[in-house]
Amino acid sequence: MDSSSGTGDLNLTDLSPNDKKELQQFITNEAQKAKIQSTVHYLTDMCWKRCITSKISSGNMDSYERPCMENCVDRYIDSQMTVLKHLEQLRGSF
């Protein structure tokens, strides 16, 4: 295939140091986005299974489900923040 079409193989050794740095930053950013998206999907699935008991045929959650979902999300975020703070403390003590 013609490399000018944008589908050819890229030789990374031909990249300048600045281009390599930009590529690495792009890859890091995309990995972070994928991690966030994965967490959101996990959180949605977990809280949905825990809180949604109706068929939601009306398009609305019942009076129990909305606070349950909000609580579920809040508690998940709180627990993740607690774990991160603890890991940061452990890292700082070495």
Protein backbone atom coordinates (compact mmCIF):
# COMPACT_ATOMS: atom_id res chain seq x y z
CA MET A 1 0.00 0.00 0.00
CA ASP A 2 1.04 3.55 -0.57
CA SER A 3 2.31 5.17 2.64
CA SER A 4 0.97 8.54 1.50
CA SER A 5 -2.57 7.23 1.99
CA GLY A 6 -2.02 7.08 5.72
CA THR A 7 -2.44 3.32 5.89
CA GLY A 8 1.17 2.31 5.29
CA ASP A 9 3.56 1.04 7.93
CA LEU A 10 5.22 3.69 10.07
CA ASN A 11 8.84 3.26 11.01
CA LEU A 12 9.10 4.63 14.55
CA THR A 13 12.86 4.99 14.28
CA ASP A 14 12.30 7.72 11.68
CA LEU A 15 10.41 9.89 14.18
CA SER A 16 12.11 12.85 15.78
CA PRO A 17 12.50 12.84 19.57
CA ASN A 18 9.72 15.43 19.80
CA ASP A 19 7.41 13.30 17.63
CA LYS A 20 8.17 10.24 19.78
CA LYS A 21 7.35 12.24 22.90
CA GLU A 22 4.06 13.45 21.38
CA LEU A 23 3.18 9.91 20.29
CA GLN A 24 3.90 8.56 23.77
CA GLN A 25 1.73 11.29 25.33
CA PHE A 26 -1.07 10.47 22.88
CA ILE A 27 -0.87 6.78 23.78
CA THR A 28 -0.88 7.61 27.49
CA ASN A 29 -3.93 9.87 27.07
CA GLU A 30 -5.81 7.22 25.09
CA ALA A 31 -5.01 4.57 27.71
CA GLN A 32 -6.34 6.89 30.43
CA LYS A 33 -9.53 7.49 28.44
CA ALA A 34 -9.99 3.74 27.98
CA LYS A 35 -9.49 3.16 31.72
CA ILE A 36 -12.07 5.82 32.60
CA GLN A 37 -14.54 4.42 30.10
CA SER A 38 -14.04 0.92 31.48
CA THR A 39 -14.62 2.17 35.02
CA VAL A 40 -17.79 3.99 34.00
CA HIS A 41 -19.12 0.85 32.29
CA TYR A 42 -18.30 -1.27 35.34
CA LEU A 43 -19.90 1.25 37.71
CA THR A 44 -23.03 1.54 35.58
CA ASP A 45 -23.42 -2.22 35.37
CA MET A 46 -22.79 -2.79 39.07
CA CYS A 47 -25.16 -0.05 40.26
CA TRP A 48 -27.82 -0.96 37.68
CA LYS A 49 -27.90 -4.56 38.87
CA ARG A 50 -28.06 -3.43 42.49
CA CYS A 51 -30.64 -0.67 42.20
CA ILE A 52 -32.91 -1.06 39.20
CA THR A 53 -35.72 -3.45 40.00
CA SER A 54 -38.48 -2.18 37.72
CA LYS A 55 -38.77 -2.54 33.97
CA ILE A 56 -38.58 1.27 33.47
CA SER A 57 -41.28 1.07 30.82
CA SER A 58 -42.33 4.64 31.60
CA GLY A 59 -38.81 5.97 31.02
CA ASN A 60 -38.47 6.95 34.67
CA MET A 61 -36.93 5.26 37.67
CA ASP A 62 -39.14 4.66 40.67
CA SER A 63 -38.70 6.60 43.92
CA TYR A 64 -36.27 4.02 45.37
CA GLU A 65 -34.10 3.53 42.29
CA ARG A 66 -32.84 7.07 41.72
CA PRO A 67 -31.45 7.60 45.25
CA CYS A 68 -30.05 4.08 45.19
CA MET A 69 -28.15 4.79 41.96
CA GLU A 70 -26.84 8.11 43.30
CA ASN A 71 -25.77 6.45 46.55
CA CYS A 72 -24.14 3.56 44.73
CA VAL A 73 -22.09 5.89 42.54
CA ASP A 74 -21.14 8.11 45.48
CA ARG A 75 -20.02 5.17 47.62
CA TYR A 76 -18.00 3.69 44.76
CA ILE A 77 -16.22 7.00 44.16
CA ASP A 78 -15.62 7.44 47.90
CA SER A 79 -14.12 3.97 48.19
CA GLN A 80 -11.86 4.51 45.18
CA MET A 81 -10.64 7.83 46.59
CA THR A 82 -9.91 6.18 49.95
CA VAL A 83 -7.87 3.46 48.27
CA LEU A 84 -5.95 6.01 46.18
CA LYS A 85 -5.16 8.15 49.23
CA HIS A 86 -3.94 5.09 51.11
CA LEU A 87 -1.71 4.05 48.19
CA GLU A 88 -0.27 7.56 47.99
CA GLN A 89 0.53 7.44 51.71
CA LEU A 90 2.24 4.08 51.28
CA ARG A 91 4.24 5.38 48.33
CA GLY A 92 5.28 8.46 50.33
CA SER A 93 6.58 6.34 53.21
CA PHE A 94 9.21 4.59 51.08
